[in-house]
Amino acid sequence: MDIHLIKREGHIHPFDERKVYASCYAACLSSHISNKSAEKIADKVTKEIKIWIKNKKQISSNTLFKQIGKTMKEYDKNAAFMYLTHRDVS
């Protein structure tokens, strides 16, 4: 099933779990977490998000963003802070 992500400007993109993983991984590294631990956290968060999003057909990017931040807090509060406060504005 394809899940559609609705961006802030209204554009629709397919959900890409690789982007979830990459953004979590980068936030972990920004928090000075080791590569190995960053990989584990990013993997766990990505798996939980995939379960959370499974039965949805579409979701706003902001809702997804908040859920990822909430899930990351369970594993590392500093990494979650980095994720939530260093958003790409491009």
N, C-alpha and C. Protein backbone atom coordinates (compact mmCIF):
# COMPACT_ATOMS: atom_id res chain seq x y z
N MET A 1 0.84 -1.18 0.00
CA MET A 1 0.00 0.00 0.00
C MET A 1 0.89 1.25 0.00
N ASP A 2 0.58 2.19 -0.85
CA ASP A 2 1.34 3.43 -0.91
C ASP A 2 0.76 4.43 0.08
N ILE A 3 1.66 5.02 0.86
CA ILE A 3 1.26 6.04 1.81
C ILE A 3 1.71 7.38 1.24
N HIS A 4 0.80 8.32 1.20
CA HIS A 4 1.12 9.63 0.65
C HIS A 4 1.39 10.62 1.77
N LEU A 5 2.46 11.35 1.61
CA LEU A 5 2.87 12.37 2.56
C LEU A 5 2.49 13.73 2.00
N ILE A 6 1.71 14.47 2.76
CA ILE A 6 1.29 15.79 2.31
C ILE A 6 2.21 16.83 2.93
N LYS A 7 2.96 17.50 2.07
CA LYS A 7 3.94 18.48 2.52
C LYS A 7 3.25 19.79 2.90
N ARG A 8 4.01 20.68 3.55
CA ARG A 8 3.46 21.96 4.01
C ARG A 8 2.81 22.77 2.89
N GLU A 9 3.39 22.75 1.71
CA GLU A 9 2.87 23.55 0.60
C GLU A 9 1.72 22.84 -0.12
N GLY A 10 1.36 21.63 0.34
CA GLY A 10 0.27 20.90 -0.28
C GLY A 10 0.71 19.87 -1.30
N HIS A 11 2.01 19.81 -1.59
CA HIS A 11 2.52 18.81 -2.52
C HIS A 11 2.40 17.43 -1.89
N ILE A 12 2.18 16.43 -2.72
CA ILE A 12 2.05 15.06 -2.24
C ILE A 12 3.25 14.25 -2.72
N HIS A 13 3.88 13.56 -1.77
CA HIS A 13 5.04 12.72 -2.06
C HIS A 13 4.81 11.35 -1.45
N PRO A 14 5.40 10.33 -2.02
CA PRO A 14 5.30 9.01 -1.38
C PRO A 14 6.13 8.98 -0.10
N PHE A 15 5.65 8.26 0.89
CA PHE A 15 6.39 8.09 2.15
C PHE A 15 7.66 7.30 1.85
N ASP A 16 8.78 7.76 2.39
CA ASP A 16 10.07 7.10 2.16
C ASP A 16 10.74 6.84 3.51
N GLU A 17 10.74 5.58 3.91
CA GLU A 17 11.30 5.24 5.21
C GLU A 17 12.80 5.53 5.28
N ARG A 18 13.47 5.57 4.13
CA ARG A 18 14.91 5.89 4.13
C ARG A 18 15.15 7.31 4.62
N LYS A 19 14.22 8.21 4.34
CA LYS A 19 14.35 9.59 4.82
C LYS A 19 14.16 9.66 6.33
N VAL A 20 13.27 8.84 6.86
CA VAL A 20 13.07 8.77 8.31
C VAL A 20 14.37 8.30 8.96
N TYR A 21 14.92 7.22 8.43
CA TYR A 21 16.16 6.66 8.96
C TYR A 21 17.28 7.70 8.91
N ALA A 22 17.45 8.32 7.75
CA ALA A 22 18.54 9.28 7.55
C ALA A 22 18.44 10.47 8.50
N SER A 23 17.23 10.99 8.68
CA SER A 23 17.08 12.16 9.55
C SER A 23 17.30 11.78 11.02
N CYS A 24 16.86 10.60 11.42
CA CYS A 24 17.10 10.14 12.78
C CYS A 24 18.60 9.90 13.02
N TYR A 25 19.22 9.27 12.06
CA TYR A 25 20.66 8.98 12.14
C TYR A 25 21.45 10.29 12.26
N ALA A 26 21.12 11.27 11.43
CA ALA A 26 21.82 12.56 11.46
C ALA A 26 21.62 13.26 12.80
N ALA A 27 20.42 13.20 13.35
CA ALA A 27 20.14 13.83 14.65
C ALA A 27 20.95 13.16 15.74
N CYS A 28 21.09 11.85 15.67
CA CYS A 28 21.89 11.11 16.65
C CYS A 28 23.36 11.53 16.56
N LEU A 29 23.88 11.61 15.36
CA LEU A 29 25.28 12.01 15.19
C LEU A 29 25.49 13.44 15.68
N SER A 30 24.52 14.30 15.47
CA SER A 30 24.61 15.68 15.96
C SER A 30 24.63 15.74 17.48
N SER A 31 24.10 14.70 18.10
CA SER A 31 24.07 14.62 19.57
C SER A 31 25.29 13.88 20.11
N HIS A 32 26.27 13.67 19.26
CA HIS A 32 27.52 13.01 19.63
C HIS A 32 27.32 11.57 20.09
N ILE A 33 26.38 10.89 19.46
CA ILE A 33 26.14 9.48 19.71
C ILE A 33 27.01 8.71 18.73
N SER A 34 27.56 7.59 19.16
CA SER A 34 28.44 6.80 18.28
C SER A 34 27.68 6.33 17.04
N ASN A 35 28.42 6.05 15.98
CA ASN A 35 27.79 5.57 14.73
C ASN A 35 26.95 4.33 14.97
N LYS A 36 27.49 3.39 15.75
CA LYS A 36 26.78 2.13 16.00
C LYS A 36 25.47 2.38 16.76
N SER A 37 25.53 3.21 17.79
CA SER A 37 24.32 3.52 18.55
C SER A 37 23.33 4.31 17.71
N ALA A 38 23.84 5.22 16.89
CA ALA A 38 22.98 6.02 16.00
C ALA A 38 22.24 5.11 15.03
N GLU A 39 22.94 4.11 14.50
CA GLU A 39 22.31 3.15 13.59
C GLU A 39 21.19 2.39 14.29
N LYS A 40 21.44 1.96 15.52
CA LYS A 40 20.44 1.20 16.28
C LYS A 40 19.21 2.05 16.56
N ILE A 41 19.43 3.28 17.01
CA ILE A 41 18.30 4.17 17.32
C ILE A 41 17.51 4.47 16.05
N ALA A 42 18.19 4.83 14.97
CA ALA A 42 17.52 5.15 13.71
C ALA A 42 16.72 3.95 13.21
N ASP A 43 17.28 2.76 13.35
CA ASP A 43 16.59 1.55 12.91
C ASP A 43 15.33 1.31 13.74
N LYS A 44 15.44 1.44 15.07
CA LYS A 44 14.28 1.23 15.95
C LYS A 44 13.18 2.25 15.68
N VAL A 45 13.57 3.52 15.54
CA VAL A 45 12.58 4.57 15.28
C VAL A 45 11.89 4.32 13.94
N THR A 46 12.67 3.98 12.92
CA THR A 46 12.09 3.72 11.59
C THR A 46 11.11 2.57 11.65
N LYS A 47 11.45 1.50 12.35
CA LYS A 47 10.54 0.35 12.46
C LYS A 47 9.24 0.75 13.18
N GLU A 48 9.36 1.53 14.25
CA GLU A 48 8.16 1.95 14.98
C GLU A 48 7.28 2.87 14.12
N ILE A 49 7.92 3.76 13.36
CA ILE A 49 7.15 4.66 12.49
C ILE A 49 6.44 3.86 11.40
N LYS A 50 7.11 2.85 10.85
CA LYS A 50 6.47 2.01 9.83
C LYS A 50 5.23 1.32 10.38
N ILE A 51 5.29 0.87 11.63
CA ILE A 51 4.13 0.24 12.27
C ILE A 51 3.04 1.28 12.49
N TRP A 52 3.42 2.45 12.99
CA TRP A 52 2.48 3.53 13.28
C TRP A 52 1.75 4.00 12.02
N ILE A 53 2.47 4.07 10.92
CA ILE A 53 1.92 4.64 9.68
C ILE A 53 1.22 3.59 8.81
N LYS A 54 1.37 2.33 9.15
CA LYS A 54 0.93 1.21 8.31
C LYS A 54 -0.49 1.32 7.77
N ASN A 55 -1.45 1.68 8.58
CA ASN A 55 -2.85 1.69 8.13
C ASN A 55 -3.34 3.05 7.66
N LYS A 56 -2.42 3.97 7.45
CA LYS A 56 -2.80 5.29 6.98
C LYS A 56 -2.61 5.38 5.47
N LYS A 57 -3.49 6.10 4.79
CA LYS A 57 -3.34 6.29 3.34
C LYS A 57 -2.58 7.56 3.04
N GLN A 58 -2.79 8.57 3.89
CA GLN A 58 -2.04 9.81 3.73
C GLN A 58 -1.86 10.44 5.10
N ILE A 59 -0.81 11.24 5.21
CA ILE A 59 -0.48 11.88 6.47
C ILE A 59 0.26 13.17 6.17
N SER A 60 0.09 14.17 7.02
CA SER A 60 0.82 15.42 6.81
C SER A 60 2.26 15.24 7.27
N SER A 61 3.15 15.95 6.60
CA SER A 61 4.56 15.85 6.96
C SER A 61 4.77 16.35 8.39
N ASN A 62 3.97 17.31 8.83
CA ASN A 62 4.11 17.84 10.19
C ASN A 62 3.71 16.80 11.24
N THR A 63 2.64 16.06 10.97
CA THR A 63 2.22 15.00 11.89
C THR A 63 3.29 13.92 11.97
N LEU A 64 3.85 13.56 10.83
CA LEU A 64 4.92 12.57 10.80
C LEU A 64 6.14 13.08 11.57
N PHE A 65 6.50 14.33 11.35
CA PHE A 65 7.62 14.97 12.03
C PHE A 65 7.46 14.88 13.56
N LYS A 66 6.28 15.23 14.04
CA LYS A 66 6.02 15.20 15.49
C LYS A 66 6.08 13.78 16.03
N GLN A 67 5.56 12.82 15.28
CA GLN A 67 5.58 11.42 15.73
C GLN A 67 7.00 10.88 15.78
N ILE A 68 7.82 11.24 14.81
CA ILE A 68 9.21 10.80 14.81
C ILE A 68 9.93 11.38 16.04
N GLY A 69 9.70 12.66 16.31
CA GLY A 69 10.32 13.29 17.48
C GLY A 69 9.89 12.62 18.77
N LYS A 70 8.61 12.31 18.88
CA LYS A 70 8.07 11.63 20.07
C LYS A 70 8.69 10.24 20.23
N THR A 71 8.81 9.53 19.13
CA THR A 71 9.39 8.18 19.17
C THR A 71 10.88 8.25 19.52
N MET A 72 11.58 9.22 18.98
CA MET A 72 13.01 9.37 19.26
C MET A 72 13.26 9.64 20.74
N LYS A 73 12.35 10.40 21.38
CA LYS A 73 12.50 10.73 22.80
C LYS A 73 12.58 9.48 23.66
N GLU A 74 11.93 8.40 23.22
CA GLU A 74 11.96 7.15 23.97
C GLU A 74 13.37 6.55 24.02
N TYR A 75 14.19 6.88 23.03
CA TYR A 75 15.52 6.30 22.93
C TYR A 75 16.62 7.26 23.36
N ASP A 76 16.48 8.54 23.01
CA ASP A 76 17.49 9.52 23.39
C ASP A 76 16.89 10.92 23.31
N LYS A 77 16.78 11.57 24.47
CA LYS A 77 16.15 12.89 24.51
C LYS A 77 16.97 13.94 23.78
N ASN A 78 18.29 13.85 23.85
CA ASN A 78 19.14 14.83 23.16
C ASN A 78 19.02 14.70 21.65
N ALA A 79 19.00 13.48 21.15
CA ALA A 79 18.85 13.26 19.71
C ALA A 79 17.48 13.74 19.25
N ALA A 80 16.46 13.51 20.06
CA ALA A 80 15.12 13.98 19.72
C ALA A 80 15.09 15.50 19.66
N PHE A 81 15.77 16.14 20.61
CA PHE A 81 15.84 17.60 20.60
C PHE A 81 16.51 18.09 19.32
N MET A 82 17.61 17.47 18.94
CA MET A 82 18.31 17.85 17.71
C MET A 82 17.39 17.66 16.50
N TYR A 83 16.66 16.56 16.48
CA TYR A 83 15.74 16.30 15.37
C TYR A 83 14.66 17.38 15.30
N LEU A 84 14.07 17.69 16.43
CA LEU A 84 12.94 18.62 16.46
C LEU A 84 13.33 20.07 16.25
N THR A 85 14.56 20.43 16.55
CA THR A 85 14.95 21.84 16.47
C THR A 85 15.81 22.19 15.28
N HIS A 86 16.32 21.21 14.57
CA HIS A 86 17.20 21.47 13.43
C HIS A 86 16.54 21.00 12.14
N ARG A 87 15.37 21.51 11.90
CA ARG A 87 14.58 21.12 10.74
C ARG A 87 15.11 21.77 9.46
N ASP A 88 15.16 21.00 8.43
CA ASP A 88 15.60 21.51 7.13
C ASP A 88 14.50 22.39 6.56
N VAL A 89 14.83 23.63 6.25
CA VAL A 89 13.83 24.56 5.75
C VAL A 89 13.93 24.77 4.23
N SER A 90 14.70 23.93 3.57
CA SER A 90 14.85 24.09 2.12
C SER A 90 13.63 23.62 1.38
